[in-house]
Each structure stands twice: as C-alpha cells, then as structure tokens.
Amino acid sequence: MNSLFDHLKRLFDEGHARRIERLRDDGQYAPPGDPRAAAVLIAVTERAEPGVLLIHRPEAMRSHPGQVAFPGGKVDPDEDAITAALREAHEELGLVPRNIRIIGATDDFQTGSGFRVTPVLGVIPPDIPIVPNPAEVDQWFEAPLRFLLDPANRVVRSGDFGGMRREYLEVMWDNHRIWGVTAAIIANLASRISHEHF
C-alpha cells in the first residue's frame, strides 16, 4: 500500500498537469502595485483519515483577528515560499521542518489586502509535537482533508469589505468557521485534488 505522501504526490502532479479555468483569486480588489509575497503550509497528517492543521489567530492581532488560517506569513527577502512556509510553521506551531515532507507549492492566491500567497502542501506524522506560540495562535485544530476538499461543504456568502460588496467562501467544521482566503485556497486545491480520492 502506498503511503499518504506517495498518494498525494501522484494526485498533486496529475492535478497540476491540467489547466484549470477560473481559480479563485481576489487580485481585482488589491491595491495598486506589486503584491507582497507570503506563504502558508497546508500540513496533512498521515492517518487512515488524513487531516489538515489549521489555527485560530488571537483576537488581539492587528490583522485577521480570530480568523481560521493556515500557519504562514510573509516571505523574507532571502527565502522562497517553501522555506518561508516551513519557518512560519515552526514559529507558530513548533513544527520541526525536517519532520515535514514537502509535496510542492500549489496555485498562488492574491488577496485583496495586497499579498500573493503561495500555499505549500506537505505531509506530517500523526504524532508530531505541536507547541503553539500564544502570540500568534489562539488554538489549533485538525479538520478532515476529505471534508475540506468536498465542494458540498462550501457555501458562498457575501459581505461588505472596504466599502465593496464581495462574495467569499465559507466552510463550517465542528464549530470552526473557515472562510475568506483560507477557504479559497482550499477550493483551489480541490480543483487540483478531488475529495473522492480519500
């Protein structure tokens, strides 16, 4: 039986060999100028039912307080997206980079706040130690990968952002509200990797 890493890598490569029309992106709402580079880690746990690590940002944070997110942040000048995603996951959750098997970087997502976010997909052991940094993480949880990828679990909402009415996606899992950029990144990944494979 193939490992989760091998299974995901095959699906990842097959999915990224296809041209996908109309991936989600908020670039049309971004301020003028070049977007700033950021990266997030989509860490999938190697279990019979694989999960994805997600965090709640502290309510006191200046940007995105209380929101569910992937661990991640800005890419430093001397980094690529994978290096930045691993560094941020270590800073936020104590994940040791050598314990993360990287599959690859998936489709960039440009945010309305002026960031170009590169999601990095990786596989982690089920028993990896997690030590959240309270300055950046209020709590963490693991949601089933199959549930997140299934389009039946996403709904389209709308709200006012910066004086504009905009649509966004929302996924509810176990009282966790996953929405906005995080839900859009999940939807884009689901365009590459179907939930039916899990």
N, C-alpha and C. Protein backbone atom coordinates (compact mmCIF):
# COMPACT_ATOMS: atom_id res chain seq x y z
N MET A 1 0.85 -1.20 0.00
CA MET A 1 0.00 0.00 0.00
C MET A 1 0.88 1.24 0.00
N ASN A 2 0.55 2.20 -0.87
CA ASN A 2 1.33 3.42 -0.94
C ASN A 2 1.11 4.27 0.30
N SER A 3 2.12 5.03 0.64
CA SER A 3 2.00 5.96 1.75
C SER A 3 1.13 7.14 1.33
N LEU A 4 0.66 7.89 2.32
CA LEU A 4 -0.12 9.08 2.01
C LEU A 4 0.70 10.04 1.17
N PHE A 5 1.99 10.17 1.48
CA PHE A 5 2.85 11.08 0.71
C PHE A 5 2.84 10.69 -0.77
N ASP A 6 3.05 9.41 -1.05
CA ASP A 6 3.08 8.96 -2.44
C ASP A 6 1.73 9.19 -3.13
N HIS A 7 0.66 8.90 -2.39
CA HIS A 7 -0.69 9.07 -2.94
C HIS A 7 -0.95 10.55 -3.26
N LEU A 8 -0.65 11.42 -2.30
CA LEU A 8 -0.89 12.85 -2.50
C LEU A 8 0.01 13.41 -3.60
N LYS A 9 1.26 12.97 -3.63
CA LYS A 9 2.19 13.47 -4.65
C LYS A 9 1.69 13.11 -6.04
N ARG A 10 1.20 11.89 -6.22
CA ARG A 10 0.69 11.50 -7.52
C ARG A 10 -0.52 12.34 -7.92
N LEU A 11 -1.45 12.52 -6.97
CA LEU A 11 -2.63 13.33 -7.24
C LEU A 11 -2.26 14.79 -7.50
N PHE A 12 -1.30 15.29 -6.74
CA PHE A 12 -0.82 16.67 -6.89
C PHE A 12 -0.24 16.87 -8.29
N ASP A 13 0.64 15.95 -8.70
CA ASP A 13 1.27 16.08 -10.02
C ASP A 13 0.24 15.97 -11.14
N GLU A 14 -0.69 15.03 -11.01
CA GLU A 14 -1.73 14.88 -12.03
C GLU A 14 -2.62 16.12 -12.09
N GLY A 15 -2.99 16.62 -10.93
CA GLY A 15 -3.85 17.79 -10.89
C GLY A 15 -3.20 19.04 -11.44
N HIS A 16 -1.89 19.18 -11.21
CA HIS A 16 -1.20 20.38 -11.69
C HIS A 16 -0.76 20.25 -13.14
N ALA A 17 -0.94 19.08 -13.73
CA ALA A 17 -0.67 18.92 -15.16
C ALA A 17 -1.85 19.39 -16.00
N ARG A 18 -2.99 19.61 -15.35
CA ARG A 18 -4.19 20.07 -16.05
C ARG A 18 -4.32 21.58 -15.95
N ARG A 19 -4.84 22.18 -17.00
CA ARG A 19 -5.15 23.60 -16.96
C ARG A 19 -6.51 23.76 -16.27
N ILE A 20 -6.56 24.60 -15.26
CA ILE A 20 -7.81 24.84 -14.53
C ILE A 20 -8.27 26.27 -14.82
N GLU A 21 -9.48 26.40 -15.28
CA GLU A 21 -10.06 27.72 -15.55
C GLU A 21 -10.68 28.29 -14.28
N ARG A 22 -10.54 29.57 -14.12
CA ARG A 22 -11.24 30.34 -13.08
C ARG A 22 -10.94 29.85 -11.66
N LEU A 23 -9.66 29.74 -11.35
CA LEU A 23 -9.30 29.53 -9.95
C LEU A 23 -9.68 30.78 -9.17
N ARG A 24 -9.96 30.61 -7.91
CA ARG A 24 -10.38 31.75 -7.10
C ARG A 24 -9.19 32.67 -6.84
N ASP A 25 -9.47 33.98 -6.83
CA ASP A 25 -8.43 34.99 -6.64
C ASP A 25 -9.11 36.32 -6.31
N ASP A 26 -8.50 37.10 -5.43
CA ASP A 26 -9.05 38.41 -5.07
C ASP A 26 -8.20 39.55 -5.59
N GLY A 27 -7.39 39.26 -6.62
CA GLY A 27 -6.48 40.28 -7.14
C GLY A 27 -7.19 41.53 -7.62
N GLN A 28 -8.43 41.39 -8.08
CA GLN A 28 -9.15 42.56 -8.59
C GLN A 28 -9.46 43.57 -7.49
N TYR A 29 -9.40 43.13 -6.23
CA TYR A 29 -9.68 44.03 -5.12
C TYR A 29 -8.39 44.59 -4.48
N ALA A 30 -7.24 44.16 -4.97
CA ALA A 30 -5.97 44.52 -4.34
C ALA A 30 -5.59 45.97 -4.65
N PRO A 31 -4.84 46.61 -3.76
CA PRO A 31 -4.35 47.95 -4.03
C PRO A 31 -3.35 47.94 -5.18
N PRO A 32 -3.13 49.09 -5.84
CA PRO A 32 -2.18 49.12 -6.95
C PRO A 32 -0.76 48.81 -6.47
N GLY A 33 0.08 48.33 -7.40
CA GLY A 33 1.45 48.00 -7.06
C GLY A 33 1.66 46.51 -6.98
N ASP A 34 2.91 46.13 -6.85
CA ASP A 34 3.25 44.71 -6.78
C ASP A 34 2.80 44.11 -5.45
N PRO A 35 2.20 42.93 -5.48
CA PRO A 35 1.80 42.29 -4.22
C PRO A 35 3.02 41.83 -3.43
N ARG A 36 2.86 41.79 -2.12
CA ARG A 36 3.92 41.29 -1.24
C ARG A 36 3.81 39.77 -1.14
N ALA A 37 4.96 39.11 -1.12
CA ALA A 37 4.97 37.65 -1.12
C ALA A 37 4.71 37.09 0.27
N ALA A 38 3.87 36.07 0.34
CA ALA A 38 3.58 35.35 1.57
C ALA A 38 3.45 33.87 1.23
N ALA A 39 3.52 33.04 2.26
CA ALA A 39 3.40 31.59 2.05
C ALA A 39 2.70 30.97 3.25
N VAL A 40 1.95 29.92 3.00
CA VAL A 40 1.28 29.16 4.07
C VAL A 40 1.57 27.69 3.88
N LEU A 41 1.50 26.93 4.97
CA LEU A 41 1.71 25.49 4.92
C LEU A 41 0.38 24.77 5.08
N ILE A 42 0.05 23.94 4.09
CA ILE A 42 -1.10 23.03 4.21
C ILE A 42 -0.52 21.70 4.69
N ALA A 43 -0.53 21.49 6.00
CA ALA A 43 0.09 20.31 6.61
C ALA A 43 -0.96 19.22 6.77
N VAL A 44 -0.76 18.11 6.06
CA VAL A 44 -1.69 16.98 6.07
C VAL A 44 -1.11 15.88 6.95
N THR A 45 -1.90 15.41 7.90
CA THR A 45 -1.43 14.37 8.82
C THR A 45 -1.59 13.00 8.18
N GLU A 46 -0.59 12.16 8.34
CA GLU A 46 -0.61 10.82 7.76
C GLU A 46 -1.40 9.89 8.67
N ARG A 47 -2.69 9.81 8.42
CA ARG A 47 -3.60 8.95 9.17
C ARG A 47 -4.46 8.17 8.18
N ALA A 48 -5.22 7.20 8.71
CA ALA A 48 -6.19 6.50 7.88
C ALA A 48 -7.18 7.49 7.28
N GLU A 49 -7.58 8.48 8.09
CA GLU A 49 -8.37 9.61 7.59
C GLU A 49 -7.49 10.86 7.73
N PRO A 50 -6.81 11.26 6.67
CA PRO A 50 -5.88 12.39 6.78
C PRO A 50 -6.59 13.67 7.22
N GLY A 51 -5.89 14.46 8.02
CA GLY A 51 -6.42 15.74 8.48
C GLY A 51 -5.52 16.87 8.04
N VAL A 52 -6.00 18.10 8.23
CA VAL A 52 -5.25 19.30 7.88
C VAL A 52 -5.16 20.18 9.12
N LEU A 53 -3.95 20.64 9.45
CA LEU A 53 -3.77 21.51 10.60
C LEU A 53 -4.19 22.94 10.25
N LEU A 54 -5.02 23.50 11.11
CA LEU A 54 -5.46 24.89 10.97
C LEU A 54 -5.36 25.57 12.32
N ILE A 55 -5.26 26.89 12.30
CA ILE A 55 -5.12 27.65 13.54
C ILE A 55 -6.16 28.76 13.60
N HIS A 56 -6.45 29.18 14.82
CA HIS A 56 -7.21 30.41 15.05
C HIS A 56 -6.23 31.49 15.45
N ARG A 57 -6.28 32.62 14.77
CA ARG A 57 -5.46 33.76 15.15
C ARG A 57 -6.00 34.37 16.45
N PRO A 58 -5.12 34.89 17.31
CA PRO A 58 -5.60 35.54 18.54
C PRO A 58 -6.48 36.75 18.23
N GLU A 59 -7.44 36.99 19.07
CA GLU A 59 -8.36 38.12 18.88
C GLU A 59 -7.63 39.46 18.96
N ALA A 60 -6.48 39.49 19.64
CA ALA A 60 -5.76 40.76 19.81
C ALA A 60 -4.87 41.11 18.62
N MET A 61 -4.76 40.23 17.64
CA MET A 61 -3.89 40.51 16.50
C MET A 61 -4.45 41.67 15.68
N ARG A 62 -3.52 42.46 15.11
CA ARG A 62 -3.93 43.62 14.33
C ARG A 62 -4.62 43.22 13.02
N SER A 63 -4.10 42.17 12.38
CA SER A 63 -4.69 41.74 11.11
C SER A 63 -5.32 40.36 11.28
N HIS A 64 -6.51 40.22 10.74
CA HIS A 64 -7.27 38.95 10.75
C HIS A 64 -7.46 38.37 12.14
N PRO A 65 -7.86 39.18 13.12
CA PRO A 65 -8.03 38.65 14.48
C PRO A 65 -9.09 37.57 14.55
N GLY A 66 -8.78 36.49 15.24
CA GLY A 66 -9.74 35.41 15.47
C GLY A 66 -10.01 34.52 14.29
N GLN A 67 -9.48 34.82 13.13
CA GLN A 67 -9.81 34.04 11.94
C GLN A 67 -9.06 32.72 11.91
N VAL A 68 -9.67 31.76 11.23
CA VAL A 68 -9.01 30.48 10.97
C VAL A 68 -8.06 30.67 9.79
N ALA A 69 -6.86 30.09 9.92
CA ALA A 69 -5.85 30.25 8.89
C ALA A 69 -4.95 29.03 8.85
N PHE A 70 -4.19 28.92 7.78
CA PHE A 70 -3.06 28.01 7.76
C PHE A 70 -1.89 28.70 8.43
N PRO A 71 -0.98 27.97 9.05
CA PRO A 71 0.23 28.63 9.53
C PRO A 71 0.98 29.24 8.35
N GLY A 72 1.46 30.45 8.54
CA GLY A 72 2.16 31.10 7.44
C GLY A 72 2.34 32.58 7.69
N GLY A 73 2.96 33.25 6.73
CA GLY A 73 3.22 34.67 6.85
C GLY A 73 4.07 35.18 5.69
N LYS A 74 4.68 36.32 5.88
CA LYS A 74 5.45 36.97 4.81
C LYS A 74 6.69 36.16 4.45
N VAL A 75 7.06 36.24 3.18
CA VAL A 75 8.30 35.63 2.70
C VAL A 75 9.42 36.66 2.85
N ASP A 76 10.46 36.31 3.58
CA ASP A 76 11.61 37.21 3.75
C ASP A 76 12.40 37.29 2.46
N PRO A 77 13.18 38.38 2.29
CA PRO A 77 13.92 38.58 1.02
C PRO A 77 14.84 37.43 0.63
N ASP A 78 15.38 36.71 1.60
CA ASP A 78 16.33 35.63 1.29
C ASP A 78 15.66 34.26 1.22
N GLU A 79 14.32 34.22 1.15
CA GLU A 79 13.59 32.96 1.20
C GLU A 79 12.81 32.71 -0.07
N ASP A 80 12.52 31.41 -0.31
CA ASP A 80 11.48 31.07 -1.27
C ASP A 80 10.23 30.71 -0.48
N ALA A 81 9.15 30.38 -1.18
CA ALA A 81 7.88 30.14 -0.49
C ALA A 81 7.95 28.93 0.42
N ILE A 82 8.62 27.87 -0.01
CA ILE A 82 8.69 26.67 0.81
C ILE A 82 9.46 26.93 2.10
N THR A 83 10.59 27.62 1.99
CA THR A 83 11.38 27.95 3.18
C THR A 83 10.57 28.81 4.14
N ALA A 84 9.85 29.78 3.60
CA ALA A 84 9.04 30.67 4.45
C ALA A 84 7.92 29.91 5.13
N ALA A 85 7.24 29.03 4.39
CA ALA A 85 6.14 28.26 4.98
C ALA A 85 6.64 27.36 6.11
N LEU A 86 7.79 26.73 5.92
CA LEU A 86 8.36 25.89 6.96
C LEU A 86 8.78 26.72 8.18
N ARG A 87 9.39 27.86 7.94
CA ARG A 87 9.80 28.73 9.05
C ARG A 87 8.59 29.19 9.86
N GLU A 88 7.55 29.64 9.16
CA GLU A 88 6.37 30.13 9.85
C GLU A 88 5.67 29.01 10.63
N ALA A 89 5.62 27.81 10.06
CA ALA A 89 5.00 26.68 10.77
C ALA A 89 5.79 26.34 12.03
N HIS A 90 7.10 26.50 11.96
CA HIS A 90 7.93 26.26 13.15
C HIS A 90 7.70 27.34 14.19
N GLU A 91 7.65 28.60 13.76
CA GLU A 91 7.44 29.72 14.69
C GLU A 91 6.07 29.67 15.33
N GLU A 92 5.05 29.27 14.58
CA GLU A 92 3.68 29.33 15.08
C GLU A 92 3.24 28.07 15.81
N LEU A 93 3.69 26.92 15.33
CA LEU A 93 3.22 25.65 15.91
C LEU A 93 4.35 24.76 16.41
N GLY A 94 5.58 25.20 16.28
CA GLY A 94 6.71 24.39 16.72
C GLY A 94 6.98 23.19 15.84
N LEU A 95 6.43 23.17 14.63
CA LEU A 95 6.67 22.05 13.72
C LEU A 95 8.12 22.08 13.24
N VAL A 96 8.82 20.99 13.45
CA VAL A 96 10.22 20.91 13.04
C VAL A 96 10.28 20.63 11.54
N PRO A 97 10.95 21.49 10.77
CA PRO A 97 10.94 21.33 9.30
C PRO A 97 11.36 19.96 8.81
N ARG A 98 12.32 19.31 9.48
CA ARG A 98 12.78 18.00 8.99
C ARG A 98 11.70 16.92 9.10
N ASN A 99 10.65 17.18 9.88
CA ASN A 99 9.55 16.22 10.02
C ASN A 99 8.44 16.43 9.00
N ILE A 100 8.61 17.42 8.12
CA ILE A 100 7.58 17.74 7.13
C ILE A 100 8.08 17.34 5.75
N ARG A 101 7.35 16.47 5.10
CA ARG A 101 7.71 16.03 3.75
C ARG A 101 6.94 16.90 2.75
N ILE A 102 7.67 17.73 2.03
CA ILE A 102 7.05 18.69 1.13
C ILE A 102 6.68 18.03 -0.19
N ILE A 103 5.43 18.23 -0.59
CA ILE A 103 4.95 17.75 -1.89
C ILE A 103 5.17 18.81 -2.95
N GLY A 104 4.85 20.06 -2.63
CA GLY A 104 5.09 21.14 -3.59
C GLY A 104 4.24 22.35 -3.32
N ALA A 105 4.53 23.40 -4.06
CA ALA A 105 3.76 24.65 -3.98
C ALA A 105 2.63 24.58 -4.99
N THR A 106 1.44 24.97 -4.55
CA THR A 106 0.28 24.95 -5.43
C THR A 106 -0.04 26.37 -5.88
N ASP A 107 -1.25 26.59 -6.38
CA ASP A 107 -1.58 27.86 -7.03
C ASP A 107 -1.54 29.05 -6.08
N ASP A 108 -0.86 30.11 -6.53
CA ASP A 108 -0.83 31.35 -5.76
C ASP A 108 -2.24 31.93 -5.64
N PHE A 109 -2.47 32.64 -4.53
CA PHE A 109 -3.73 33.35 -4.33
C PHE A 109 -3.39 34.79 -3.98
N GLN A 110 -3.87 35.73 -4.78
CA GLN A 110 -3.64 37.14 -4.47
C GLN A 110 -4.80 37.66 -3.64
N THR A 111 -4.48 38.25 -2.51
CA THR A 111 -5.51 38.73 -1.59
C THR A 111 -5.91 40.17 -1.91
N GLY A 112 -7.04 40.56 -1.40
CA GLY A 112 -7.49 41.93 -1.56
C GLY A 112 -6.67 42.91 -0.75
N SER A 113 -5.88 42.40 0.19
CA SER A 113 -5.04 43.29 1.01
C SER A 113 -3.63 43.44 0.45
N GLY A 114 -3.37 42.86 -0.72
CA GLY A 114 -2.10 43.12 -1.38
C GLY A 114 -1.02 42.08 -1.18
N PHE A 115 -1.40 40.86 -0.84
CA PHE A 115 -0.42 39.77 -0.71
C PHE A 115 -0.64 38.74 -1.81
N ARG A 116 0.46 38.16 -2.27
CA ARG A 116 0.41 36.99 -3.15
C ARG A 116 0.82 35.79 -2.31
N VAL A 117 -0.14 34.96 -1.96
CA VAL A 117 0.09 33.86 -1.03
C VAL A 117 0.35 32.58 -1.81
N THR A 118 1.48 31.94 -1.51
CA THR A 118 1.79 30.64 -2.11
C THR A 118 1.51 29.55 -1.10
N PRO A 119 0.53 28.69 -1.34
CA PRO A 119 0.27 27.56 -0.43
C PRO A 119 1.25 26.41 -0.74
N VAL A 120 1.81 25.84 0.32
CA VAL A 120 2.78 24.75 0.19
C VAL A 120 2.16 23.52 0.85
N LEU A 121 2.04 22.45 0.08
CA LEU A 121 1.44 21.22 0.59
C LEU A 121 2.51 20.28 1.12
N GLY A 122 2.29 19.74 2.33
CA GLY A 122 3.24 18.82 2.92
C GLY A 122 2.54 17.79 3.77
N VAL A 123 3.26 16.73 4.11
CA VAL A 123 2.72 15.65 4.93
C VAL A 123 3.52 15.57 6.22
N ILE A 124 2.80 15.42 7.34
CA ILE A 124 3.44 15.33 8.65
C ILE A 124 3.03 14.04 9.35
N PRO A 125 3.88 13.55 10.27
CA PRO A 125 3.50 12.35 11.03
C PRO A 125 2.28 12.63 11.91
N PRO A 126 1.49 11.61 12.24
CA PRO A 126 0.28 11.84 13.05
C PRO A 126 0.59 12.25 14.48
N ASP A 127 1.78 11.90 14.96
CA ASP A 127 2.13 12.18 16.35
C ASP A 127 3.15 13.30 16.49
N ILE A 128 3.26 14.17 15.48
CA ILE A 128 4.24 15.25 15.52
C ILE A 128 3.93 16.19 16.68
N PRO A 129 4.95 16.58 17.47
CA PRO A 129 4.69 17.52 18.57
C PRO A 129 4.22 18.87 18.04
N ILE A 130 3.20 19.43 18.68
CA ILE A 130 2.68 20.74 18.31
C ILE A 130 2.73 21.63 19.54
N VAL A 131 3.48 22.73 19.42
CA VAL A 131 3.65 23.67 20.53
C VAL A 131 3.27 25.06 20.01
N PRO A 132 2.00 25.45 20.15
CA PRO A 132 1.58 26.74 19.59
C PRO A 132 2.21 27.93 20.29
N ASN A 133 2.54 28.94 19.51
CA ASN A 133 3.04 30.21 20.02
C ASN A 133 1.84 31.08 20.37
N PRO A 134 1.61 31.39 21.65
CA PRO A 134 0.39 32.11 22.02
C PRO A 134 0.31 33.52 21.44
N ALA A 135 1.43 34.08 21.01
CA ALA A 135 1.39 35.41 20.40
C ALA A 135 0.77 35.36 19.00
N GLU A 136 0.79 34.17 18.38
CA GLU A 136 0.31 34.05 17.01
C GLU A 136 -0.82 33.04 16.83
N VAL A 137 -1.00 32.19 17.83
CA VAL A 137 -2.00 31.12 17.71
C VAL A 137 -2.83 31.07 18.98
N ASP A 138 -4.15 31.25 18.82
CA ASP A 138 -5.05 31.14 19.96
C ASP A 138 -5.37 29.67 20.24
N GLN A 139 -5.60 28.91 19.18
CA GLN A 139 -5.82 27.47 19.27
C GLN A 139 -5.55 26.85 17.91
N TRP A 140 -5.34 25.55 17.91
CA TRP A 140 -5.18 24.83 16.65
C TRP A 140 -6.14 23.66 16.63
N PHE A 141 -6.43 23.18 15.44
CA PHE A 141 -7.30 22.02 15.30
C PHE A 141 -6.96 21.31 13.99
N GLU A 142 -7.52 20.11 13.86
CA GLU A 142 -7.29 19.31 12.66
C GLU A 142 -8.65 18.98 12.05
N ALA A 143 -8.82 19.36 10.79
CA ALA A 143 -10.06 19.07 10.06
C ALA A 143 -9.78 18.02 9.00
N PRO A 144 -10.73 17.11 8.76
CA PRO A 144 -10.51 16.05 7.77
C PRO A 144 -10.25 16.61 6.37
N LEU A 145 -9.21 16.12 5.72
CA LEU A 145 -8.88 16.58 4.37
C LEU A 145 -10.03 16.35 3.41
N ARG A 146 -10.64 15.16 3.48
CA ARG A 146 -11.75 14.86 2.57
C ARG A 146 -12.89 15.86 2.74
N PHE A 147 -13.22 16.19 3.97
CA PHE A 147 -14.30 17.14 4.24
C PHE A 147 -13.97 18.50 3.64
N LEU A 148 -12.73 18.96 3.84
CA LEU A 148 -12.35 20.29 3.35
C LEU A 148 -12.38 20.36 1.83
N LEU A 149 -11.96 19.28 1.17
CA LEU A 149 -11.90 19.30 -0.29
C LEU A 149 -13.26 19.12 -0.95
N ASP A 150 -14.23 18.60 -0.23
CA ASP A 150 -15.54 18.30 -0.81
C ASP A 150 -16.31 19.61 -1.07
N PRO A 151 -16.62 19.92 -2.33
CA PRO A 151 -17.34 21.17 -2.62
C PRO A 151 -18.71 21.25 -1.99
N ALA A 152 -19.29 20.10 -1.61
CA ALA A 152 -20.61 20.11 -0.97
C ALA A 152 -20.56 20.79 0.40
N ASN A 153 -19.37 20.92 0.97
CA ASN A 153 -19.24 21.52 2.30
C ASN A 153 -18.87 23.00 2.26
N ARG A 154 -18.86 23.59 1.06
CA ARG A 154 -18.57 25.02 0.92
C ARG A 154 -19.83 25.76 0.52
N VAL A 155 -20.03 26.93 1.11
CA VAL A 155 -21.15 27.78 0.71
C VAL A 155 -20.61 29.16 0.34
N VAL A 156 -21.32 29.82 -0.54
CA VAL A 156 -20.94 31.17 -0.96
C VAL A 156 -21.68 32.18 -0.10
N ARG A 157 -20.93 33.08 0.50
CA ARG A 157 -21.51 34.17 1.29
C ARG A 157 -21.15 35.50 0.64
N SER A 158 -21.70 36.58 1.13
CA SER A 158 -21.32 37.90 0.65
C SER A 158 -21.27 38.85 1.84
N GLY A 159 -20.43 39.84 1.72
CA GLY A 159 -20.30 40.83 2.79
C GLY A 159 -19.63 42.09 2.26
N ASP A 160 -19.64 43.13 3.07
CA ASP A 160 -19.02 44.40 2.70
C ASP A 160 -17.59 44.44 3.20
N PHE A 161 -16.64 44.64 2.30
CA PHE A 161 -15.23 44.74 2.63
C PHE A 161 -14.67 45.97 1.94
N GLY A 162 -14.18 46.90 2.73
CA GLY A 162 -13.62 48.12 2.15
C GLY A 162 -14.61 48.90 1.32
N GLY A 163 -15.87 48.86 1.73
CA GLY A 163 -16.90 49.61 1.01
C GLY A 163 -17.44 48.90 -0.23
N MET A 164 -17.00 47.67 -0.47
CA MET A 164 -17.47 46.91 -1.63
C MET A 164 -18.16 45.64 -1.18
N ARG A 165 -19.21 45.29 -1.91
CA ARG A 165 -19.90 44.03 -1.66
C ARG A 165 -19.14 42.92 -2.39
N ARG A 166 -18.69 41.92 -1.65
CA ARG A 166 -17.89 40.87 -2.26
C ARG A 166 -18.37 39.50 -1.81
N GLU A 167 -18.22 38.53 -2.69
CA GLU A 167 -18.54 37.15 -2.34
C GLU A 167 -17.31 36.46 -1.78
N TYR A 168 -17.54 35.52 -0.88
CA TYR A 168 -16.46 34.72 -0.33
C TYR A 168 -17.01 33.33 0.01
N LEU A 169 -16.11 32.39 0.22
CA LEU A 169 -16.50 31.04 0.57
C LEU A 169 -16.44 30.83 2.08
N GLU A 170 -17.24 29.89 2.54
CA GLU A 170 -17.25 29.54 3.96
C GLU A 170 -17.40 28.03 4.10
N VAL A 171 -16.63 27.46 5.00
CA VAL A 171 -16.73 26.05 5.36
C VAL A 171 -16.88 25.98 6.87
N MET A 172 -17.88 25.26 7.34
CA MET A 172 -18.05 25.07 8.78
C MET A 172 -17.68 23.63 9.13
N TRP A 173 -16.78 23.49 10.08
CA TRP A 173 -16.44 22.15 10.56
C TRP A 173 -16.28 22.19 12.08
N ASP A 174 -17.11 21.41 12.77
CA ASP A 174 -17.02 21.28 14.22
C ASP A 174 -16.97 22.64 14.92
N ASN A 175 -17.85 23.54 14.52
CA ASN A 175 -17.97 24.89 15.08
C ASN A 175 -16.81 25.81 14.72
N HIS A 176 -15.95 25.39 13.80
CA HIS A 176 -14.88 26.25 13.30
C HIS A 176 -15.34 26.85 11.97
N ARG A 177 -15.30 28.16 11.89
CA ARG A 177 -15.69 28.85 10.65
C ARG A 177 -14.44 29.15 9.82
N ILE A 178 -14.34 28.46 8.71
CA ILE A 178 -13.20 28.61 7.81
C ILE A 178 -13.70 29.40 6.60
N TRP A 179 -13.15 30.58 6.38
CA TRP A 179 -13.70 31.41 5.33
C TRP A 179 -12.61 32.28 4.70
N GLY A 180 -13.03 33.09 3.72
CA GLY A 180 -12.12 34.05 3.11
C GLY A 180 -10.97 33.39 2.35
N VAL A 181 -9.78 33.91 2.57
CA VAL A 181 -8.60 33.44 1.85
C VAL A 181 -8.35 31.95 2.10
N THR A 182 -8.48 31.52 3.36
CA THR A 182 -8.22 30.12 3.69
C THR A 182 -9.17 29.19 2.95
N ALA A 183 -10.46 29.52 2.94
CA ALA A 183 -11.44 28.70 2.22
C ALA A 183 -11.19 28.73 0.72
N ALA A 184 -10.76 29.87 0.20
CA ALA A 184 -10.49 29.98 -1.24
C ALA A 184 -9.28 29.14 -1.63
N ILE A 185 -8.25 29.12 -0.80
CA ILE A 185 -7.08 28.29 -1.07
C ILE A 185 -7.49 26.81 -1.07
N ILE A 186 -8.33 26.42 -0.13
CA ILE A 186 -8.83 25.04 -0.08
C ILE A 186 -9.61 24.72 -1.36
N ALA A 187 -10.45 25.64 -1.80
CA ALA A 187 -11.24 25.41 -3.01
C ALA A 187 -10.35 25.26 -4.23
N ASN A 188 -9.29 26.07 -4.31
CA ASN A 188 -8.36 25.95 -5.44
C ASN A 188 -7.63 24.61 -5.41
N LEU A 189 -7.22 24.18 -4.21
CA LEU A 189 -6.57 22.89 -4.10
C LEU A 189 -7.52 21.76 -4.50
N ALA A 190 -8.80 21.91 -4.15
CA ALA A 190 -9.80 20.90 -4.51
C ALA A 190 -10.01 20.83 -6.02
N SER A 191 -9.69 21.91 -6.73
CA SER A 191 -9.75 21.87 -8.19
C SER A 191 -8.64 21.00 -8.77
N ARG A 192 -7.57 20.82 -7.98
CA ARG A 192 -6.44 20.00 -8.41
C ARG A 192 -6.52 18.57 -7.87
N ILE A 193 -7.03 18.43 -6.65
CA ILE A 193 -7.09 17.13 -5.98
C ILE A 193 -8.51 16.90 -5.49
N SER A 194 -9.18 15.89 -6.00
CA SER A 194 -10.57 15.65 -5.64
C SER A 194 -10.69 14.95 -4.29
N HIS A 195 -11.74 15.31 -3.56
CA HIS A 195 -12.03 14.66 -2.28
C HIS A 195 -12.33 13.17 -2.45
N GLU A 196 -12.74 12.79 -3.66
CA GLU A 196 -13.13 11.40 -3.90
C GLU A 196 -11.97 10.42 -3.79
N HIS A 197 -10.74 10.93 -3.75
CA HIS A 197 -9.56 10.07 -3.65
C HIS A 197 -9.22 9.73 -2.19
N PHE A 198 -10.05 10.20 -1.24
CA PHE A 198 -9.73 9.99 0.18
C PHE A 198 -10.90 9.33 0.92
